[in-house]
């Protein structure tokens, strides 16, 4: 027992991140990381960075990154907020815009209830339907948070469905968390000027292979960006270091590289989904860089253990309705070939 903890800290139920296994020969497919390196332009920006500048504080607003995000999304700088990973941006958004209630699906990114509890916000979960789709007509009763594509299912809403949510919740902020949108979902960013209650949050971790840099941004009308800035400056005025700002900006500007790596991952995802179906797996229709799968004859725990025995790590969630599913991040073609080989062995041993 830790007698030094405050009562609030003692009651916290923190988010549990995916395991970070160490050692050689591991295929790590449990945290949805991009299997390809960042843009060469990002590497050049990093190598050219003048270390003498580190004696100075970085720009508080994201500097070059803010300008790059505005340009590629065709919005003014006033519509962009930059943060230290989308987890930070989303956390700030919870504090800035939700007070009495927030609504999100019962099966979704498991950090949402953690933030709600941390800030003392009541939350309501809306059950996904039998096909694990979000019932948009039931997304009512407070601020709204939707991961699109949803995690861990990978299923995406269409733009007209997002508009339905926005129209039915005009008095509340609707956050669309687009961590995986580049892999097949329609971005809600084009709706920003039309809906003053829309905040779109995206991260460069998956789309640009920059998980280790911790960079993200939000798009919204200036009044929403101002709310995020107020919260940020009450925590830390300098969340993004100078190296992250210039490196991430270079990655953003290299739109061709991002598109090409996304297409490679999408192609690998579709091939893997077809091969898994051939092995008897149920595979949900994913628009993300991962697949959510279950097997009729083998338990998820059994499959996970067999994979780990062969140094392959995937994600398991011990939660109602999904405790017989595994989330498998999409790696390189070679990695996915190995995964299928090992899973075939596992199925043949049943």
Protein backbone atom coordinates (compact mmCIF):
# COMPACT_ATOMS: atom_id res chain seq x y z
CA UNK A 1 0.00 0.00 0.00
CA UNK A 2 1.34 3.44 -0.96
CA UNK A 3 0.43 5.84 1.84
CA UNK A 4 1.84 8.79 -0.09
CA UNK A 5 -0.71 8.63 -2.92
CA UNK A 6 -3.59 11.07 -2.91
CA UNK A 7 -7.03 9.55 -2.70
CA UNK A 8 -7.67 10.47 -6.33
CA UNK A 9 -4.45 8.84 -7.54
CA UNK A 10 -5.13 5.70 -5.54
CA UNK A 11 -8.47 5.25 -7.29
CA UNK A 12 -7.14 5.65 -10.82
CA UNK A 13 -7.47 2.75 -13.25
CA UNK A 14 -4.80 3.59 -15.84
CA UNK A 15 -4.83 2.66 -19.50
CA UNK A 16 -2.78 -0.43 -20.27
CA UNK A 17 -0.58 -0.05 -23.32
CA UNK A 18 0.47 -2.96 -25.52
CA UNK A 19 3.43 -5.01 -24.37
CA UNK A 20 6.90 -3.94 -25.50
CA UNK A 21 8.74 -7.26 -25.85
CA UNK A 22 12.53 -7.19 -26.00
CA UNK A 23 14.90 -9.50 -27.83
CA UNK A 24 15.81 -10.53 -31.32
CA UNK A 25 13.65 -12.19 -33.95
CA UNK A 26 10.39 -10.75 -32.62
CA UNK A 27 7.50 -9.84 -34.90
CA UNK A 28 5.70 -7.10 -32.98
CA UNK A 29 2.13 -6.72 -34.19
CA UNK A 30 0.42 -5.61 -30.98
CA UNK A 31 0.59 -1.80 -31.05
CA UNK A 32 -0.43 -0.89 -34.62
CA UNK A 33 2.93 0.63 -35.48
CA UNK A 34 3.75 1.34 -39.12
CA UNK A 35 6.13 -1.37 -40.38
CA UNK A 36 7.90 1.09 -42.67
CA UNK A 37 10.35 3.85 -41.72
CA UNK A 38 9.41 7.54 -41.82
CA UNK A 39 9.73 9.61 -44.97
CA UNK A 40 13.31 10.21 -46.17
CA UNK A 41 12.41 13.89 -46.02
CA UNK A 42 11.79 13.55 -42.29
CA UNK A 43 15.17 11.84 -41.91
CA UNK A 44 16.84 14.70 -43.80
CA UNK A 45 15.15 17.31 -41.62
CA UNK A 46 16.33 15.47 -38.54
CA UNK A 47 19.92 15.24 -39.78
CA UNK A 48 19.99 18.93 -40.68
CA UNK A 49 18.67 20.10 -37.32
CA UNK A 50 20.98 22.59 -35.65
CA UNK A 51 21.58 21.26 -32.13
CA UNK A 52 22.55 24.75 -30.95
CA UNK A 53 18.83 25.64 -31.18
CA UNK A 54 18.10 23.28 -28.31
CA UNK A 55 19.17 25.97 -25.85
CA UNK A 56 15.96 27.81 -26.81
CA UNK A 57 12.40 26.86 -26.00
CA UNK A 58 10.40 25.56 -28.99
CA UNK A 59 7.45 27.36 -30.52
CA UNK A 60 4.44 26.98 -28.25
CA UNK A 61 1.98 26.52 -31.14
CA UNK A 62 3.80 23.77 -33.03
CA UNK A 63 5.68 26.08 -35.38
CA UNK A 64 6.47 24.42 -38.71
CA UNK A 65 4.18 21.52 -37.90
CA UNK A 66 1.16 23.79 -37.47
CA UNK A 67 1.82 25.40 -40.84
CA UNK A 68 2.33 22.03 -42.54
CA UNK A 69 -0.88 20.58 -41.08
CA UNK A 70 -2.82 23.66 -42.18
CA UNK A 71 -1.44 23.52 -45.70
CA UNK A 72 -2.04 19.84 -46.41
CA UNK A 73 -5.59 20.08 -44.97
CA UNK A 74 -6.31 23.36 -46.79
CA UNK A 75 -7.32 25.26 -43.66
CA UNK A 76 -5.97 28.41 -41.97
CA UNK A 77 -3.38 28.04 -39.20
CA UNK A 78 -6.08 29.18 -36.77
CA UNK A 79 -7.85 25.85 -37.37
CA UNK A 80 -4.91 23.69 -36.19
CA UNK A 81 -3.78 22.60 -32.72
CA UNK A 82 -0.56 20.62 -32.28
CA UNK A 83 0.19 18.24 -29.43
CA UNK A 84 2.45 15.53 -28.06
CA UNK A 85 0.67 12.55 -29.59
CA UNK A 86 -3.08 12.16 -30.05
CA UNK A 87 -3.44 10.81 -26.51
CA UNK A 88 -2.43 14.22 -25.20
CA UNK A 89 -4.63 16.08 -27.70
CA UNK A 90 -7.64 13.91 -26.87
CA UNK A 91 -7.02 14.28 -23.15
CA UNK A 92 -6.98 18.07 -23.51
CA UNK A 93 -10.19 17.87 -25.55
CA UNK A 94 -11.96 15.87 -22.85
CA UNK A 95 -11.08 18.55 -20.31
CA UNK A 96 -11.87 21.46 -22.62
CA UNK A 97 -15.24 20.36 -23.98
CA UNK A 98 -16.83 17.75 -21.74
CA UNK A 99 -18.18 18.48 -18.30
CA UNK A 100 -21.48 16.79 -17.52
CA UNK A 101 -21.43 13.83 -19.88
CA UNK A 102 -19.58 12.18 -22.75
CA UNK A 103 -20.81 9.35 -24.98
CA UNK A 104 -18.77 6.73 -26.85
CA UNK A 105 -19.26 3.12 -28.03
CA UNK A 106 -18.95 0.27 -25.55
CA UNK A 107 -16.21 -1.29 -27.67
CA UNK A 108 -13.69 1.37 -28.67
CA UNK A 109 -10.35 2.88 -27.72
CA UNK A 110 -9.99 1.98 -24.05
CA UNK A 111 -8.37 5.29 -23.11
CA UNK A 112 -11.73 7.11 -23.41
CA UNK A 113 -13.18 5.88 -20.09
CA UNK A 114 -9.80 6.47 -18.42
CA UNK A 115 -9.86 10.17 -19.36
CA UNK A 116 -13.50 10.48 -18.35
CA UNK A 117 -12.74 9.06 -14.91
CA UNK A 118 -9.57 11.15 -14.58
CA UNK A 119 -11.46 14.39 -15.16
CA UNK A 120 -14.57 13.35 -13.25
CA UNK A 121 -16.82 13.31 -16.32
CA UNK A 122 -19.84 11.04 -16.40
CA UNK A 123 -19.85 8.82 -19.45
CA UNK A 124 -22.35 6.64 -21.27
CA UNK A 125 -21.44 3.78 -23.60
CA UNK A 126 -23.55 2.87 -26.61
CA UNK A 127 -23.41 -0.85 -27.50
CA UNK A 128 -22.16 -1.75 -30.96
CA UNK A 129 -24.64 -3.80 -32.95
CA UNK A 130 -24.24 -7.51 -33.63
CA UNK A 131 -21.92 -6.79 -36.56
CA UNK A 132 -19.82 -4.45 -34.36
CA UNK A 133 -21.05 -1.32 -36.17
CA UNK A 134 -21.61 1.96 -34.34
CA UNK A 135 -25.36 2.76 -34.16
CA UNK A 136 -25.09 6.44 -35.08
CA UNK A 137 -28.73 7.20 -34.23
CA UNK A 138 -28.03 6.29 -30.59
CA UNK A 139 -25.00 8.55 -30.22
CA UNK A 140 -26.77 11.19 -28.11
CA UNK A 141 -26.81 12.61 -24.61
CA UNK A 142 -23.58 14.57 -24.20
CA UNK A 143 -20.28 15.23 -25.90
CA UNK A 144 -19.46 12.55 -28.47
CA UNK A 145 -16.20 10.70 -29.15
CA UNK A 146 -15.92 8.34 -32.10
CA UNK A 147 -12.79 6.60 -33.31
CA UNK A 148 -13.05 6.30 -37.08
CA UNK A 149 -12.06 3.65 -38.00
CA UNK A 150 -13.05 2.27 -34.65
CA UNK A 151 -10.52 0.50 -32.47
CA UNK A 152 -10.07 -2.40 -31.99
CA UNK A 153 -12.63 -3.47 -34.62
CA UNK A 154 -11.23 -1.50 -37.58
CA UNK A 155 -14.75 -0.80 -38.87
CA UNK A 156 -15.27 2.70 -40.28
CA UNK A 157 -18.22 5.05 -40.55
CA UNK A 158 -19.02 6.81 -43.80
CA UNK A 159 -19.02 10.59 -43.99
CA UNK A 160 -22.81 10.83 -44.16
CA UNK A 161 -23.04 8.81 -40.92
CA UNK A 162 -20.67 11.24 -39.20
CA UNK A 163 -22.81 14.10 -40.46
CA UNK A 164 -25.84 12.45 -38.88
CA UNK A 165 -24.08 12.49 -35.52
CA UNK A 166 -23.03 16.13 -35.98
CA UNK A 167 -26.54 17.25 -36.88
CA UNK A 168 -28.11 15.43 -33.94
CA UNK A 169 -25.61 16.89 -31.46
CA UNK A 170 -25.32 20.54 -32.53
CA UNK A 171 -25.05 21.73 -28.92
CA UNK A 172 -22.18 19.39 -28.07
CA UNK A 173 -18.67 18.89 -29.37
CA UNK A 174 -18.22 15.81 -31.53
CA UNK A 175 -14.66 14.45 -31.64
CA UNK A 176 -13.67 12.19 -34.52
CA UNK A 177 -10.47 10.35 -33.64
CA UNK A 178 -8.81 9.56 -36.97
CA UNK A 179 -5.69 7.73 -35.84
CA UNK A 180 -6.20 5.11 -38.58
CA UNK A 181 -8.19 7.02 -41.21
CA UNK A 182 -5.35 7.07 -43.77
CA UNK A 183 -5.74 3.32 -44.22
CA UNK A 184 -9.20 3.46 -45.80
CA UNK A 185 -11.70 5.67 -43.96
CA UNK A 186 -13.18 8.95 -45.13
CA UNK A 187 -11.75 11.86 -43.15
CA UNK A 188 -14.23 14.24 -41.53
CA UNK A 189 -11.83 17.16 -42.02
CA UNK A 190 -13.79 18.54 -45.02
CA UNK A 191 -16.79 19.06 -42.69
CA UNK A 192 -15.00 21.43 -40.32
CA UNK A 193 -16.20 24.71 -41.86
CA UNK A 194 -19.78 23.44 -41.95
CA UNK A 195 -19.96 22.23 -38.34
CA UNK A 196 -18.69 24.43 -35.49
CA UNK A 197 -19.03 21.46 -33.10
CA UNK A 198 -16.60 19.20 -34.99
CA UNK A 199 -13.05 18.44 -33.82
CA UNK A 200 -10.95 16.04 -35.89
CA UNK A 201 -7.89 14.53 -34.20
CA UNK A 202 -5.13 12.76 -36.09
CA UNK A 203 -1.71 11.37 -35.25
CA UNK A 204 1.46 10.85 -37.25
CA UNK A 205 2.30 7.70 -35.27
CA UNK A 206 0.65 5.23 -37.62
CA UNK A 207 0.21 7.09 -40.88
CA UNK A 208 3.75 8.50 -41.04
CA UNK A 209 5.74 5.93 -39.05
CA UNK A 210 6.52 8.43 -36.29
CA UNK A 211 5.24 6.66 -33.17
CA UNK A 212 8.55 7.33 -31.45
CA UNK A 213 8.32 11.08 -32.06
CA UNK A 214 4.92 11.60 -30.37
CA UNK A 215 3.25 14.10 -32.71
CA UNK A 216 -0.41 14.80 -33.45
CA UNK A 217 -2.74 17.61 -34.34
CA UNK A 218 -6.41 18.55 -34.19
CA UNK A 219 -8.50 20.40 -36.76
CA UNK A 220 -11.48 22.55 -35.87
CA UNK A 221 -12.89 26.04 -35.98
CA UNK A 222 -10.91 28.69 -34.02
CA UNK A 223 -13.14 28.61 -30.95
CA UNK A 224 -12.37 24.93 -30.46
CA UNK A 225 -8.66 25.44 -31.07
CA UNK A 226 -8.69 28.23 -28.50
CA UNK A 227 -10.22 25.83 -25.96
CA UNK A 228 -7.41 23.34 -26.53
CA UNK A 229 -4.77 26.07 -26.25
CA UNK A 230 -6.25 27.21 -22.92
CA UNK A 231 -6.01 23.70 -21.51
CA UNK A 232 -2.53 23.10 -22.93
CA UNK A 233 -1.18 26.30 -21.43
CA UNK A 234 -2.56 25.23 -18.05
CA UNK A 235 -0.48 22.03 -18.22
CA UNK A 236 2.58 22.68 -20.36
CA UNK A 237 3.16 25.51 -22.82
CA UNK A 238 5.84 23.54 -24.70
CA UNK A 239 4.52 20.00 -25.35
CA UNK A 240 6.27 19.59 -28.72
CA UNK A 241 10.05 19.90 -28.83
CA UNK A 242 11.85 21.72 -31.63
CA UNK A 243 13.15 18.52 -33.24
CA UNK A 244 9.66 17.02 -33.37
CA UNK A 245 8.21 20.14 -34.97
CA UNK A 246 10.60 20.28 -37.94
CA UNK A 247 10.83 16.51 -38.45
CA UNK A 248 7.06 15.99 -38.40
CA UNK A 249 6.50 18.95 -40.72
CA UNK A 250 8.85 17.42 -43.29
CA UNK A 251 6.98 14.11 -43.01
CA UNK A 252 3.63 15.82 -43.54
CA UNK A 253 4.77 17.63 -46.65
CA UNK A 254 5.90 14.34 -48.20
CA UNK A 255 2.33 13.32 -49.01
CA UNK A 256 3.38 10.90 -51.73
CA UNK A 257 5.47 8.79 -49.39
CA UNK A 258 2.65 8.60 -46.84
CA UNK A 259 0.16 7.55 -49.51
CA UNK A 260 2.45 4.88 -50.93
CA UNK A 261 3.18 3.26 -47.55
CA UNK A 262 -0.53 3.33 -46.70
CA UNK A 263 -1.34 1.58 -49.96
CA UNK A 264 1.24 -1.13 -49.22
CA UNK A 265 -0.28 -1.69 -45.79
CA UNK A 266 -3.81 -1.77 -47.22
CA UNK A 267 -2.76 -4.37 -49.80
CA UNK A 268 -1.12 -6.50 -47.10
CA UNK A 269 -4.21 -6.16 -44.91
CA UNK A 270 -6.53 -7.40 -47.67
CA UNK A 271 -4.26 -10.33 -48.55
CA UNK A 272 -3.94 -11.29 -44.89
CA UNK A 273 -7.69 -11.03 -44.31
CA UNK A 274 -8.36 -13.40 -47.23
CA UNK A 275 -5.78 -15.91 -46.01
CA UNK A 276 -7.09 -15.79 -42.45
CA UNK A 277 -10.61 -16.44 -43.69
CA UNK A 278 -9.23 -19.49 -45.47
CA UNK A 279 -7.92 -20.74 -42.12
CA UNK A 280 -11.37 -20.51 -40.53
CA UNK A 281 -11.05 -17.11 -38.92
CA UNK A 282 -13.87 -14.58 -38.70
CA UNK A 283 -12.31 -11.32 -39.91
CA UNK A 284 -14.09 -8.02 -39.37
CA UNK A 285 -14.06 -5.61 -42.36
CA UNK A 286 -11.16 -3.32 -41.43
CA UNK A 287 -10.27 0.14 -42.76
CA UNK A 288 -7.35 0.41 -40.33
CA UNK A 289 -3.79 -0.96 -40.25
CA UNK A 290 -4.90 -3.97 -38.23
CA UNK A 291 -7.37 -6.85 -38.36
CA UNK A 292 -9.74 -7.98 -35.60
CA UNK A 293 -10.23 -11.73 -35.80
CA UNK A 294 -11.62 -14.74 -33.98
CA UNK A 295 -11.64 -18.48 -34.64
CA UNK A 296 -14.62 -20.78 -34.20
CA UNK A 297 -12.60 -23.72 -32.86
CA UNK A 298 -9.60 -22.13 -31.16
CA UNK A 299 -9.74 -19.64 -28.29
CA UNK A 300 -8.03 -16.28 -28.63
CA UNK A 301 -5.93 -17.05 -25.56
CA UNK A 302 -4.77 -20.33 -27.08
CA UNK A 303 -3.84 -18.68 -30.38
CA UNK A 304 -2.07 -15.79 -28.66
CA UNK A 305 0.02 -18.19 -26.59
CA UNK A 306 1.02 -20.17 -29.68
CA UNK A 307 2.01 -17.00 -31.51
CA UNK A 308 4.09 -15.76 -28.59
CA UNK A 309 5.81 -19.12 -28.38
CA UNK A 310 6.92 -18.32 -31.92
CA UNK A 311 7.91 -14.74 -31.03
CA UNK A 312 4.88 -13.11 -32.63
CA UNK A 313 3.02 -10.58 -30.47
CA UNK A 314 -0.59 -9.54 -31.07
CA UNK A 315 -3.13 -7.75 -28.83
CA UNK A 316 -5.77 -9.45 -26.69
CA UNK A 317 -8.57 -7.65 -24.82
CA UNK A 318 -10.13 -9.46 -21.88
CA UNK A 319 -13.45 -7.65 -22.18
CA UNK A 320 -17.06 -8.69 -22.72
CA UNK A 321 -18.07 -9.49 -26.31
CA UNK A 322 -14.49 -9.37 -27.63
CA UNK A 323 -12.66 -11.78 -25.32
CA UNK A 324 -12.35 -14.33 -28.12
CA UNK A 325 -10.86 -11.84 -30.61
CA UNK A 326 -7.29 -10.87 -31.37
CA UNK A 327 -6.13 -7.62 -32.94
CA UNK A 328 -3.31 -8.20 -35.41
CA UNK A 329 -1.39 -5.18 -36.67
CA UNK A 330 -0.34 -5.30 -40.31
CA UNK A 331 3.40 -5.65 -40.80
CA UNK A 332 5.53 -6.09 -43.89
CA UNK A 333 4.61 -8.71 -46.49
CA UNK A 334 7.30 -10.99 -45.10
CA UNK A 335 6.06 -10.61 -41.54
CA UNK A 336 2.48 -11.37 -42.55
CA UNK A 337 3.64 -14.45 -44.47
CA UNK A 338 5.27 -15.70 -41.27
CA UNK A 339 2.13 -14.95 -39.23
CA UNK A 340 -0.02 -16.96 -41.65
CA UNK A 341 2.48 -19.83 -41.59
CA UNK A 342 2.44 -20.01 -37.79
CA UNK A 343 -1.34 -19.64 -37.59
CA UNK A 344 -1.74 -22.47 -40.10
CA UNK A 345 0.42 -24.64 -37.86
CA UNK A 346 -1.70 -23.63 -34.88
CA UNK A 347 -4.94 -24.52 -36.65
CA UNK A 348 -3.57 -27.88 -37.83
CA UNK A 349 -2.67 -28.84 -34.25
CA UNK A 350 -6.25 -28.47 -33.00
